[in-house]
């Protein structure tokens, strides 16, 4: 009988990762990694704020544009439905 070693290895890794002890180790590792921080000594110049504001304005404009297109389609769908009902009532 032949075994697919890659598949068996994946199953073994999944079994190990699903064990409760492994989850606790991962959480502890993540917790200590977050606690271990060092100063970044970063400088944020005025251009950075400008880029952030442009991104927010662009995101808002994209949302409004998408919403207006979607709103027009919904409005068109219901206006066709109402006009068809009006025509059927006249007949």
C-alpha atoms as a PDB file:
ATOM      1  CA  UNK A   1       0.000   0.000   0.000  1.00  0.00           C
ATOM      2  CA  UNK A   2       1.427   3.386  -0.973  1.00  0.00           C
ATOM      3  CA  UNK A   3       0.992   6.543   1.012  1.00  0.00           C
ATOM      4  CA  UNK A   4       0.931  10.094  -0.190  1.00  0.00           C
ATOM      5  CA  UNK A   5       3.462  11.606   2.182  1.00  0.00           C
ATOM      6  CA  UNK A   6       2.419  15.192   1.495  1.00  0.00           C
ATOM      7  CA  UNK A   7      -1.185  14.383   2.344  1.00  0.00           C
ATOM      8  CA  UNK A   8      -0.168  12.447   5.470  1.00  0.00           C
ATOM      9  CA  UNK A   9       2.063  15.314   6.567  1.00  0.00           C
ATOM     10  CA  UNK A  10      -0.792  17.771   6.100  1.00  0.00           C
ATOM     11  CA  UNK A  11      -3.108  15.590   8.162  1.00  0.00           C
ATOM     12  CA  UNK A  12      -0.520  15.324  10.918  1.00  0.00           C
ATOM     13  CA  UNK A  13      -0.052  19.098  10.959  1.00  0.00           C
ATOM     14  CA  UNK A  14      -3.817  19.624  11.106  1.00  0.00           C
ATOM     15  CA  UNK A  15      -4.126  17.188  14.018  1.00  0.00           C
ATOM     16  CA  UNK A  16      -1.359  18.993  15.890  1.00  0.00           C
ATOM     17  CA  UNK A  17      -2.845  22.428  15.167  1.00  0.00           C
ATOM     18  CA  UNK A  18      -6.298  21.378  16.358  1.00  0.00           C
ATOM     19  CA  UNK A  19      -5.062  20.229  19.732  1.00  0.00           C
ATOM     20  CA  UNK A  20      -5.990  22.552  22.625  1.00  0.00           C
ATOM     21  CA  UNK A  21      -2.372  22.782  23.803  1.00  0.00           C
ATOM     22  CA  UNK A  22      -1.290  24.031  20.402  1.00  0.00           C
ATOM     23  CA  UNK A  23      -3.921  26.762  20.470  1.00  0.00           C
ATOM     24  CA  UNK A  24      -2.733  27.904  23.890  1.00  0.00           C
ATOM     25  CA  UNK A  25       0.875  27.968  22.693  1.00  0.00           C
ATOM     26  CA  UNK A  26      -0.123  30.033  19.664  1.00  0.00           C
ATOM     27  CA  UNK A  27      -2.067  32.500  21.823  1.00  0.00           C
ATOM     28  CA  UNK A  28       0.824  32.837  24.266  1.00  0.00           C
ATOM     29  CA  UNK A  29       3.292  33.335  21.416  1.00  0.00           C
ATOM     30  CA  UNK A  30       1.065  36.023  19.884  1.00  0.00           C
ATOM     31  CA  UNK A  31       0.564  37.707  23.261  1.00  0.00           C
ATOM     32  CA  UNK A  32       4.299  37.875  23.981  1.00  0.00           C
ATOM     33  CA  UNK A  33       5.014  39.044  20.457  1.00  0.00           C
ATOM     34  CA  UNK A  34       2.618  41.944  20.965  1.00  0.00           C
ATOM     35  CA  UNK A  35       4.149  42.792  24.337  1.00  0.00           C
ATOM     36  CA  UNK A  36       7.660  42.830  22.913  1.00  0.00           C
ATOM     37  CA  UNK A  37       7.731  46.144  21.122  1.00  0.00           C
ATOM     38  CA  UNK A  38      10.525  48.515  20.338  1.00  0.00           C
ATOM     39  CA  UNK A  39      10.385  52.225  19.528  1.00  0.00           C
ATOM     40  CA  UNK A  40       9.921  52.939  15.832  1.00  0.00           C
ATOM     41  CA  UNK A  41      11.514  56.410  15.747  1.00  0.00           C
ATOM     42  CA  UNK A  42       9.177  57.221  12.868  1.00  0.00           C
ATOM     43  CA  UNK A  43       8.477  60.683  11.551  1.00  0.00           C
ATOM     44  CA  UNK A  44       5.126  61.534  10.045  1.00  0.00           C
ATOM     45  CA  UNK A  45       5.445  64.632   7.921  1.00  0.00           C
ATOM     46  CA  UNK A  46       2.503  66.793   6.776  1.00  0.00           C
ATOM     47  CA  UNK A  47       2.417  64.927   3.448  1.00  0.00           C
ATOM     48  CA  UNK A  48       1.359  61.774   5.287  1.00  0.00           C
ATOM     49  CA  UNK A  49      -1.726  63.491   6.667  1.00  0.00           C
ATOM     50  CA  UNK A  50      -2.526  64.793   3.209  1.00  0.00           C
ATOM     51  CA  UNK A  51      -2.337  61.279   1.758  1.00  0.00           C
ATOM     52  CA  UNK A  52      -4.616  59.967   4.507  1.00  0.00           C
ATOM     53  CA  UNK A  53      -7.181  62.706   3.862  1.00  0.00           C
ATOM     54  CA  UNK A  54      -7.039  62.069   0.093  1.00  0.00           C
ATOM     55  CA  UNK A  55      -7.600  58.372   0.698  1.00  0.00           C
ATOM     56  CA  UNK A  56     -10.629  59.053   2.897  1.00  0.00           C
ATOM     57  CA  UNK A  57     -12.107  61.495   0.372  1.00  0.00           C
ATOM     58  CA  UNK A  58     -11.461  59.039  -2.478  1.00  0.00           C
ATOM     59  CA  UNK A  59     -13.090  56.205  -0.541  1.00  0.00           C
ATOM     60  CA  UNK A  60     -16.103  58.371   0.197  1.00  0.00           C
ATOM     61  CA  UNK A  61     -16.376  59.406  -3.471  1.00  0.00           C
ATOM     62  CA  UNK A  62     -16.149  55.778  -4.612  1.00  0.00           C
ATOM     63  CA  UNK A  63     -18.848  54.781  -2.128  1.00  0.00           C
ATOM     64  CA  UNK A  64     -21.147  57.581  -3.295  1.00  0.00           C
ATOM     65  CA  UNK A  65     -20.529  56.703  -6.968  1.00  0.00           C
ATOM     66  CA  UNK A  66     -21.223  53.006  -6.367  1.00  0.00           C
ATOM     67  CA  UNK A  67     -24.304  53.865  -4.321  1.00  0.00           C
ATOM     68  CA  UNK A  68     -25.695  56.177  -6.993  1.00  0.00           C
ATOM     69  CA  UNK A  69     -25.261  53.538  -9.698  1.00  0.00           C
ATOM     70  CA  UNK A  70     -26.897  50.923  -7.508  1.00  0.00           C
ATOM     71  CA  UNK A  71     -29.696  53.306  -6.544  1.00  0.00           C
ATOM     72  CA  UNK A  72     -30.434  54.100 -10.188  1.00  0.00           C
ATOM     73  CA  UNK A  73     -30.731  50.391 -10.986  1.00  0.00           C
ATOM     74  CA  UNK A  74     -33.113  49.777  -8.083  1.00  0.00           C
ATOM     75  CA  UNK A  75     -35.172  52.830  -8.976  1.00  0.00           C
ATOM     76  CA  UNK A  76     -35.312  51.776 -12.641  1.00  0.00           C
ATOM     77  CA  UNK A  77     -36.386  48.251 -11.693  1.00  0.00           C
ATOM     78  CA  UNK A  78     -39.323  49.455  -9.606  1.00  0.00           C
ATOM     79  CA  UNK A  79     -40.355  52.177 -12.054  1.00  0.00           C
ATOM     80  CA  UNK A  80     -40.621  49.563 -14.848  1.00  0.00           C
ATOM     81  CA  UNK A  81     -42.682  47.371 -12.569  1.00  0.00           C
ATOM     82  CA  UNK A  82     -45.087  50.201 -11.717  1.00  0.00           C
ATOM     83  CA  UNK A  83     -45.494  51.291 -15.358  1.00  0.00           C
ATOM     84  CA  UNK A  84     -46.294  47.699 -16.381  1.00  0.00           C
ATOM     85  CA  UNK A  85     -49.003  47.498 -13.714  1.00  0.00           C
ATOM     86  CA  UNK A  86     -50.503  50.791 -14.909  1.00  0.00           C
ATOM     87  CA  UNK A  87     -50.673  49.531 -18.507  1.00  0.00           C
ATOM     88  CA  UNK A  88     -52.274  46.233 -17.461  1.00  0.00           C
ATOM     89  CA  UNK A  89     -54.945  48.072 -15.440  1.00  0.00           C
ATOM     90  CA  UNK A  90     -55.975  50.151 -18.494  1.00  0.00           C
ATOM     91  CA  UNK A  91     -56.587  47.066 -20.636  1.00  0.00           C
END
